[in-house]
Amino acid sequence: MQDTRIALLGIILTSHDSVEKLNHLLSQYSSYIIGRMGVPYREKNISIISVALDAPNDIISSLSGKIGMLPGVSSKTIYTKS
């Protein structure tokens, strides 16, 4: 069994054109997702999403990288220390 880490993936969505692709990516990695919370910020026309993960480093990096390449999407990942 591969070691896993807990991580929080923060996502800011500024283009609703990428919503379908983002949701598809998240569903592909759903077995690693502990929880997800989305907050629409209607005044600024953006969405703020946080995704809690329990996964191997390479899985977390892969998901974060794929999400960060979507147009109109910014992401940042923070990890537990151990």
PDB file of N, CA and C in Angstrom:
ATOM      1  N   MET A   1       0.847  -1.195   0.000  1.00  0.00           N
ATOM      2  CA  MET A   1       0.000   0.000   0.000  1.00  0.00           C
ATOM      3  C   MET A   1       0.886   1.250   0.000  1.00  0.00           C
ATOM      4  N   GLN A   2       0.508   2.186  -0.806  1.00  0.00           N
ATOM      5  CA  GLN A   2       1.280   3.418  -0.930  1.00  0.00           C
ATOM      6  C   GLN A   2       0.908   4.392   0.189  1.00  0.00           C
ATOM      7  N   ASP A   3       1.920   5.110   0.710  1.00  0.00           N
ATOM      8  CA  ASP A   3       1.658   6.110   1.736  1.00  0.00           C
ATOM      9  C   ASP A   3       0.809   7.232   1.169  1.00  0.00           C
ATOM     10  N   THR A   4      -0.109   7.715   1.982  1.00  0.00           N
ATOM     11  CA  THR A   4      -0.957   8.827   1.550  1.00  0.00           C
ATOM     12  C   THR A   4      -0.716  10.028   2.451  1.00  0.00           C
ATOM     13  N   ARG A   5      -1.118  11.181   1.942  1.00  0.00           N
ATOM     14  CA  ARG A   5      -1.056  12.426   2.710  1.00  0.00           C
ATOM     15  C   ARG A   5      -2.412  13.102   2.644  1.00  0.00           C
ATOM     16  N   ILE A   6      -2.664  13.914   3.629  1.00  0.00           N
ATOM     17  CA  ILE A   6      -3.866  14.743   3.633  1.00  0.00           C
ATOM     18  C   ILE A   6      -3.479  16.074   3.001  1.00  0.00           C
ATOM     19  N   ALA A   7      -4.310  16.542   2.094  1.00  0.00           N
ATOM     20  CA  ALA A   7      -4.040  17.811   1.409  1.00  0.00           C
ATOM     21  C   ALA A   7      -5.344  18.566   1.222  1.00  0.00           C
ATOM     22  N   LEU A   8      -5.207  19.868   1.119  1.00  0.00           N
ATOM     23  CA  LEU A   8      -6.335  20.729   0.810  1.00  0.00           C
ATOM     24  C   LEU A   8      -6.032  21.430  -0.501  1.00  0.00           C
ATOM     25  N   LEU A   9      -6.896  21.232  -1.466  1.00  0.00           N
ATOM     26  CA  LEU A   9      -6.751  21.843  -2.785  1.00  0.00           C
ATOM     27  C   LEU A   9      -7.731  23.008  -2.867  1.00  0.00           C
ATOM     28  N   GLY A  10      -7.195  24.214  -2.971  1.00  0.00           N
ATOM     29  CA  GLY A  10      -8.021  25.408  -3.110  1.00  0.00           C
ATOM     30  C   GLY A  10      -8.123  25.779  -4.574  1.00  0.00           C
ATOM     31  N   ILE A  11      -9.344  26.018  -5.032  1.00  0.00           N
ATOM     32  CA  ILE A  11      -9.591  26.302  -6.445  1.00  0.00           C
ATOM     33  C   ILE A  11     -10.416  27.577  -6.555  1.00  0.00           C
ATOM     34  N   ILE A  12      -9.987  28.472  -7.435  1.00  0.00           N
ATOM     35  CA  ILE A  12     -10.787  29.661  -7.756  1.00  0.00           C
ATOM     36  C   ILE A  12     -11.122  29.589  -9.237  1.00  0.00           C
ATOM     37  N   LEU A  13     -12.386  29.604  -9.511  1.00  0.00           N
ATOM     38  CA  LEU A  13     -12.897  29.463 -10.868  1.00  0.00           C
ATOM     39  C   LEU A  13     -13.417  30.819 -11.339  1.00  0.00           C
ATOM     40  N   THR A  14     -12.738  31.391 -12.324  1.00  0.00           N
ATOM     41  CA  THR A  14     -13.139  32.703 -12.843  1.00  0.00           C
ATOM     42  C   THR A  14     -13.827  32.609 -14.196  1.00  0.00           C
ATOM     43  N   SER A  15     -13.820  31.434 -14.803  1.00  0.00           N
ATOM     44  CA  SER A  15     -14.479  31.216 -16.090  1.00  0.00           C
ATOM     45  C   SER A  15     -15.394  30.010 -15.978  1.00  0.00           C
ATOM     46  N   HIS A  16     -16.644  30.220 -16.197  1.00  0.00           N
ATOM     47  CA  HIS A  16     -17.585  29.105 -16.090  1.00  0.00           C
ATOM     48  C   HIS A  16     -17.487  28.160 -17.279  1.00  0.00           C
ATOM     49  N   ASP A  17     -16.646  28.483 -18.255  1.00  0.00           N
ATOM     50  CA  ASP A  17     -16.426  27.602 -19.398  1.00  0.00           C
ATOM     51  C   ASP A  17     -15.718  26.317 -18.984  1.00  0.00           C
ATOM     52  N   SER A  18     -15.019  26.330 -17.859  1.00  0.00           N
ATOM     53  CA  SER A  18     -14.244  25.168 -17.411  1.00  0.00           C
ATOM     54  C   SER A  18     -14.967  24.316 -16.369  1.00  0.00           C
ATOM     55  N   VAL A  19     -16.195  24.643 -16.041  1.00  0.00           N
ATOM     56  CA  VAL A  19     -16.917  23.928 -14.982  1.00  0.00           C
ATOM     57  C   VAL A  19     -17.059  22.444 -15.307  1.00  0.00           C
ATOM     58  N   GLU A  20     -17.456  22.132 -16.513  1.00  0.00           N
ATOM     59  CA  GLU A  20     -17.668  20.732 -16.886  1.00  0.00           C
ATOM     60  C   GLU A  20     -16.365  19.932 -16.805  1.00  0.00           C
ATOM     61  N   LYS A  21     -15.275  20.493 -17.307  1.00  0.00           N
ATOM     62  CA  LYS A  21     -13.977  19.809 -17.262  1.00  0.00           C
ATOM     63  C   LYS A  21     -13.499  19.644 -15.820  1.00  0.00           C
ATOM     64  N   LEU A  22     -13.703  20.668 -15.002  1.00  0.00           N
ATOM     65  CA  LEU A  22     -13.309  20.599 -13.599  1.00  0.00           C
ATOM     66  C   LEU A  22     -14.083  19.501 -12.879  1.00  0.00           C
ATOM     67  N   ASN A  23     -15.395  19.469 -13.065  1.00  0.00           N
ATOM     68  CA  ASN A  23     -16.217  18.443 -12.415  1.00  0.00           C
ATOM     69  C   ASN A  23     -15.835  17.043 -12.895  1.00  0.00           C
ATOM     70  N   HIS A  24     -15.485  16.915 -14.168  1.00  0.00           N
ATOM     71  CA  HIS A  24     -15.063  15.623 -14.702  1.00  0.00           C
ATOM     72  C   HIS A  24     -13.764  15.167 -14.021  1.00  0.00           C
ATOM     73  N   LEU A  25     -12.797  16.083 -13.880  1.00  0.00           N
ATOM     74  CA  LEU A  25     -11.543  15.737 -13.199  1.00  0.00           C
ATOM     75  C   LEU A  25     -11.796  15.314 -11.756  1.00  0.00           C
ATOM     76  N   LEU A  26     -12.618  16.078 -11.066  1.00  0.00           N
ATOM     77  CA  LEU A  26     -12.905  15.750  -9.668  1.00  0.00           C
ATOM     78  C   LEU A  26     -13.600  14.393  -9.548  1.00  0.00           C
ATOM     79  N   SER A  27     -14.466  14.066 -10.491  1.00  0.00           N
ATOM     80  CA  SER A  27     -15.124  12.757 -10.432  1.00  0.00           C
ATOM     81  C   SER A  27     -14.142  11.629 -10.728  1.00  0.00           C
ATOM     82  N   GLN A  28     -13.144  11.879 -11.576  1.00  0.00           N
ATOM     83  CA  GLN A  28     -12.123  10.868 -11.858  1.00  0.00           C
ATOM     84  C   GLN A  28     -11.305  10.540 -10.601  1.00  0.00           C
ATOM     85  N   TYR A  29     -11.113  11.519  -9.740  1.00  0.00           N
ATOM     86  CA  TYR A  29     -10.306  11.343  -8.528  1.00  0.00           C
ATOM     87  C   TYR A  29     -11.179  11.208  -7.279  1.00  0.00           C
ATOM     88  N   SER A  30     -12.443  10.903  -7.453  1.00  0.00           N
ATOM     89  CA  SER A  30     -13.391  10.905  -6.328  1.00  0.00           C
ATOM     90  C   SER A  30     -13.037   9.917  -5.226  1.00  0.00           C
ATOM     91  N   SER A  31     -12.334   8.845  -5.556  1.00  0.00           N
ATOM     92  CA  SER A  31     -11.993   7.867  -4.518  1.00  0.00           C
ATOM     93  C   SER A  31     -10.981   8.429  -3.509  1.00  0.00           C
ATOM     94  N   TYR A  32     -10.318   9.528  -3.863  1.00  0.00           N
ATOM     95  CA  TYR A  32      -9.339  10.161  -2.976  1.00  0.00           C
ATOM     96  C   TYR A  32      -9.907  11.379  -2.250  1.00  0.00           C
ATOM     97  N   ILE A  33     -11.099  11.801  -2.623  1.00  0.00           N
ATOM     98  CA  ILE A  33     -11.685  13.020  -2.063  1.00  0.00           C
ATOM     99  C   ILE A  33     -12.418  12.711  -0.762  1.00  0.00           C
ATOM    100  N   ILE A  34     -12.007  13.400   0.304  1.00  0.00           N
ATOM    101  CA  ILE A  34     -12.654  13.256   1.606  1.00  0.00           C
ATOM    102  C   ILE A  34     -13.915  14.113   1.642  1.00  0.00           C
ATOM    103  N   GLY A  35     -13.805  15.334   1.122  1.00  0.00           N
ATOM    104  CA  GLY A  35     -14.934  16.256   1.117  1.00  0.00           C
ATOM    105  C   GLY A  35     -14.671  17.413   0.179  1.00  0.00           C
ATOM    106  N   ARG A  36     -15.741  18.090  -0.169  1.00  0.00           N
ATOM    107  CA  ARG A  36     -15.650  19.196  -1.126  1.00  0.00           C
ATOM    108  C   ARG A  36     -16.673  20.254  -0.738  1.00  0.00           C
ATOM    109  N   MET A  37     -16.248  21.515  -0.831  1.00  0.00           N
ATOM    110  CA  MET A  37     -17.165  22.616  -0.542  1.00  0.00           C
ATOM    111  C   MET A  37     -16.993  23.677  -1.610  1.00  0.00           C
ATOM    112  N   GLY A  38     -18.087  24.115  -2.175  1.00  0.00           N
ATOM    113  CA  GLY A  38     -18.050  25.167  -3.176  1.00  0.00           C
ATOM    114  C   GLY A  38     -18.859  26.369  -2.717  1.00  0.00           C
ATOM    115  N   VAL A  39     -18.304  27.545  -2.928  1.00  0.00           N
ATOM    116  CA  VAL A  39     -18.977  28.781  -2.538  1.00  0.00           C
ATOM    117  C   VAL A  39     -19.045  29.701  -3.757  1.00  0.00           C
ATOM    118  N   PRO A  40     -20.247  29.963  -4.261  1.00  0.00           N
ATOM    119  CA  PRO A  40     -20.355  30.920  -5.359  1.00  0.00           C
ATOM    120  C   PRO A  40     -20.282  32.350  -4.815  1.00  0.00           C
ATOM    121  N   TYR A  41     -19.412  33.141  -5.375  1.00  0.00           N
ATOM    122  CA  TYR A  41     -19.299  34.546  -4.972  1.00  0.00           C
ATOM    123  C   TYR A  41     -19.908  35.355  -6.118  1.00  0.00           C
ATOM    124  N   ARG A  42     -21.200  35.491  -6.061  1.00  0.00           N
ATOM    125  CA  ARG A  42     -21.966  36.070  -7.172  1.00  0.00           C
ATOM    126  C   ARG A  42     -21.584  37.514  -7.478  1.00  0.00           C
ATOM    127  N   GLU A  43     -21.240  38.281  -6.453  1.00  0.00           N
ATOM    128  CA  GLU A  43     -20.886  39.684  -6.670  1.00  0.00           C
ATOM    129  C   GLU A  43     -19.656  39.833  -7.554  1.00  0.00           C
ATOM    130  N   LYS A  44     -18.747  38.851  -7.488  1.00  0.00           N
ATOM    131  CA  LYS A  44     -17.510  38.890  -8.285  1.00  0.00           C
ATOM    132  C   LYS A  44     -17.562  37.923  -9.467  1.00  0.00           C
ATOM    133  N   ASN A  45     -18.664  37.173  -9.582  1.00  0.00           N
ATOM    134  CA  ASN A  45     -18.855  36.192 -10.645  1.00  0.00           C
ATOM    135  C   ASN A  45     -17.742  35.134 -10.665  1.00  0.00           C
ATOM    136  N   ILE A  46     -17.369  34.647  -9.459  1.00  0.00           N
ATOM    137  CA  ILE A  46     -16.378  33.581  -9.347  1.00  0.00           C
ATOM    138  C   ILE A  46     -16.921  32.496  -8.416  1.00  0.00           C
ATOM    139  N   SER A  47     -16.271  31.357  -8.440  1.00  0.00           N
ATOM    140  CA  SER A  47     -16.583  30.283  -7.492  1.00  0.00           C
ATOM    141  C   SER A  47     -15.309  29.908  -6.758  1.00  0.00           C
ATOM    142  N   ILE A  48     -15.450  29.658  -5.471  1.00  0.00           N
ATOM    143  CA  ILE A  48     -14.333  29.258  -4.623  1.00  0.00           C
ATOM    144  C   ILE A  48     -14.627  27.845  -4.152  1.00  0.00           C
ATOM    145  N   ILE A  49     -13.699  26.933  -4.431  1.00  0.00           N
ATOM    146  CA  ILE A  49     -13.920  25.525  -4.124  1.00  0.00           C
ATOM    147  C   ILE A  49     -12.749  25.011  -3.291  1.00  0.00           C
ATOM    148  N   SER A  50     -13.057  24.276  -2.247  1.00  0.00           N
ATOM    149  CA  SER A  50     -12.009  23.605  -1.483  1.00  0.00           C
ATOM    150  C   SER A  50     -12.276  22.106  -1.535  1.00  0.00           C
ATOM    151  N   VAL A  51     -11.200  21.345  -1.739  1.00  0.00           N
ATOM    152  CA  VAL A  51     -11.301  19.896  -1.854  1.00  0.00           C
ATOM    153  C   VAL A  51     -10.297  19.278  -0.884  1.00  0.00           C
ATOM    154  N   ALA A  52     -10.782  18.485   0.050  1.00  0.00           N
ATOM    155  CA  ALA A  52      -9.912  17.771   0.988  1.00  0.00           C
ATOM    156  C   ALA A  52      -9.614  16.394   0.406  1.00  0.00           C
ATOM    157  N   LEU A  53      -8.321  16.043   0.400  1.00  0.00           N
ATOM    158  CA  LEU A  53      -7.880  14.792  -0.218  1.00  0.00           C
ATOM    159  C   LEU A  53      -7.080  13.938   0.758  1.00  0.00           C
ATOM    160  N   ASP A  54      -7.159  12.645   0.586  1.00  0.00           N
ATOM    161  CA  ASP A  54      -6.283  11.683   1.254  1.00  0.00           C
ATOM    162  C   ASP A  54      -5.772  10.789   0.132  1.00  0.00           C
ATOM    163  N   ALA A  55      -4.535  11.049  -0.312  1.00  0.00           N
ATOM    164  CA  ALA A  55      -4.025  10.375  -1.505  1.00  0.00           C
ATOM    165  C   ALA A  55      -2.503  10.367  -1.509  1.00  0.00           C
ATOM    166  N   PRO A  56      -1.908   9.516  -2.329  1.00  0.00           N
ATOM    167  CA  PRO A  56      -0.456   9.561  -2.505  1.00  0.00           C
ATOM    168  C   PRO A  56      -0.041  10.895  -3.131  1.00  0.00           C
ATOM    169  N   ASN A  57       1.197  11.316  -2.865  1.00  0.00           N
ATOM    170  CA  ASN A  57       1.700  12.589  -3.397  1.00  0.00           C
ATOM    171  C   ASN A  57       1.514  12.723  -4.904  1.00  0.00           C
ATOM    172  N   ASP A  58       1.818  11.657  -5.651  1.00  0.00           N
ATOM    173  CA  ASP A  58       1.742  11.752  -7.108  1.00  0.00           C
ATOM    174  C   ASP A  58       0.313  11.958  -7.593  1.00  0.00           C
ATOM    175  N   ILE A  59      -0.658  11.410  -6.902  1.00  0.00           N
ATOM    176  CA  ILE A  59      -2.063  11.601  -7.269  1.00  0.00           C
ATOM    177  C   ILE A  59      -2.480  13.042  -6.999  1.00  0.00           C
ATOM    178  N   ILE A  60      -2.101  13.561  -5.846  1.00  0.00           N
ATOM    179  CA  ILE A  60      -2.441  14.945  -5.495  1.00  0.00           C
ATOM    180  C   ILE A  60      -1.805  15.908  -6.502  1.00  0.00           C
ATOM    181  N   SER A  61      -0.545  15.692  -6.815  1.00  0.00           N
ATOM    182  CA  SER A  61       0.158  16.551  -7.770  1.00  0.00           C
ATOM    183  C   SER A  61      -0.466  16.475  -9.152  1.00  0.00           C
ATOM    184  N   SER A  62      -0.842  15.290  -9.562  1.00  0.00           N
ATOM    185  CA  SER A  62      -1.459  15.104 -10.879  1.00  0.00           C
ATOM    186  C   SER A  62      -2.780  15.861 -10.973  1.00  0.00           C
ATOM    187  N   LEU A  63      -3.631  15.695  -9.975  1.00  0.00           N
ATOM    188  CA  LEU A  63      -4.924  16.390  -9.979  1.00  0.00           C
ATOM    189  C   LEU A  63      -4.723  17.896  -9.950  1.00  0.00           C
ATOM    190  N   SER A  64      -3.858  18.372  -9.073  1.00  0.00           N
ATOM    191  CA  SER A  64      -3.603  19.810  -8.960  1.00  0.00           C
ATOM    192  C   SER A  64      -3.073  20.379 -10.274  1.00  0.00           C
ATOM    193  N   GLY A  65      -2.152  19.669 -10.903  1.00  0.00           N
ATOM    194  CA  GLY A  65      -1.595  20.132 -12.172  1.00  0.00           C
ATOM    195  C   GLY A  65      -2.629  20.195 -13.278  1.00  0.00           C
ATOM    196  N   LYS A  66      -3.464  19.164 -13.373  1.00  0.00           N
ATOM    197  CA  LYS A  66      -4.502  19.141 -14.411  1.00  0.00           C
ATOM    198  C   LYS A  66      -5.518  20.261 -14.197  1.00  0.00           C
ATOM    199  N   ILE A  67      -5.883  20.495 -12.942  1.00  0.00           N
ATOM    200  CA  ILE A  67      -6.839  21.565 -12.647  1.00  0.00           C
ATOM    201  C   ILE A  67      -6.226  22.924 -12.960  1.00  0.00           C
ATOM    202  N   GLY A  68      -4.961  23.111 -12.591  1.00  0.00           N
ATOM    203  CA  GLY A  68      -4.289  24.384 -12.829  1.00  0.00           C
ATOM    204  C   GLY A  68      -4.119  24.725 -14.301  1.00  0.00           C
ATOM    205  N   MET A  69      -4.193  23.723 -15.179  1.00  0.00           N
ATOM    206  CA  MET A  69      -4.056  23.963 -16.613  1.00  0.00           C
ATOM    207  C   MET A  69      -5.371  24.355 -17.281  1.00  0.00           C
ATOM    208  N   LEU A  70      -6.472  24.235 -16.562  1.00  0.00           N
ATOM    209  CA  LEU A  70      -7.765  24.607 -17.150  1.00  0.00           C
ATOM    210  C   LEU A  70      -7.852  26.127 -17.296  1.00  0.00           C
ATOM    211  N   PRO A  71      -8.405  26.611 -18.395  1.00  0.00           N
ATOM    212  CA  PRO A  71      -8.551  28.061 -18.573  1.00  0.00           C
ATOM    213  C   PRO A  71      -9.502  28.657 -17.541  1.00  0.00           C
ATOM    214  N   GLY A  72      -9.092  29.768 -16.959  1.00  0.00           N
ATOM    215  CA  GLY A  72      -9.936  30.466 -15.994  1.00  0.00           C
ATOM    216  C   GLY A  72      -9.975  29.808 -14.626  1.00  0.00           C
ATOM    217  N   VAL A  73      -8.993  28.938 -14.344  1.00  0.00           N
ATOM    218  CA  VAL A  73      -8.957  28.231 -13.063  1.00  0.00           C
ATOM    219  C   VAL A  73      -7.587  28.421 -12.425  1.00  0.00           C
ATOM    220  N   SER A  74      -7.579  28.790 -11.142  1.00  0.00           N
ATOM    221  CA  SER A  74      -6.343  28.871 -10.357  1.00  0.00           C
ATOM    222  C   SER A  74      -6.458  27.864  -9.224  1.00  0.00           C
ATOM    223  N   SER A  75      -5.330  27.231  -8.888  1.00  0.00           N
ATOM    224  CA  SER A  75      -5.372  26.276  -7.787  1.00  0.00           C
ATOM    225  C   SER A  75      -4.084  26.329  -6.986  1.00  0.00           C
ATOM    226  N   LYS A  76      -4.200  25.938  -5.740  1.00  0.00           N
ATOM    227  CA  LYS A  76      -3.057  25.882  -4.828  1.00  0.00           C
ATOM    228  C   LYS A  76      -3.312  24.733  -3.864  1.00  0.00           C
ATOM    229  N   THR A  77      -2.259  23.989  -3.569  1.00  0.00           N
ATOM    230  CA  THR A  77      -2.399  22.832  -2.693  1.00  0.00           C
ATOM    231  C   THR A  77      -1.539  23.017  -1.452  1.00  0.00           C
ATOM    232  N   ILE A  78      -2.117  22.701  -0.308  1.00  0.00           N
ATOM    233  CA  ILE A  78      -1.339  22.668   0.939  1.00  0.00           C
ATOM    234  C   ILE A  78      -1.435  21.264   1.508  1.00  0.00           C
ATOM    235  N   TYR A  79      -0.349  20.821   2.141  1.00  0.00           N
ATOM    236  CA  TYR A  79      -0.229  19.461   2.645  1.00  0.00           C
ATOM    237  C   TYR A  79      -0.036  19.448   4.149  1.00  0.00           C
ATOM    238  N   THR A  80      -0.387  18.309   4.749  1.00  0.00           N
ATOM    239  CA  THR A  80      -0.011  18.107   6.144  1.00  0.00           C
ATOM    240  C   THR A  80       1.503  17.966   6.203  1.00  0.00           C
ATOM    241  N   LYS A  81       2.078  18.195   7.362  1.00  0.00           N
ATOM    242  CA  LYS A  81       3.531  18.145   7.494  1.00  0.00           C
ATOM    243  C   LYS A  81       4.083  16.747   7.420  1.00  0.00           C
ATOM    244  N   SER A  82       3.294  15.757   7.775  1.00  0.00           N
ATOM    245  CA  SER A  82       3.816  14.380   7.723  1.00  0.00           C
ATOM    246  C   SER A  82       2.889  13.466   6.968  1.00  0.00           C
TER     247      SER A  82
END
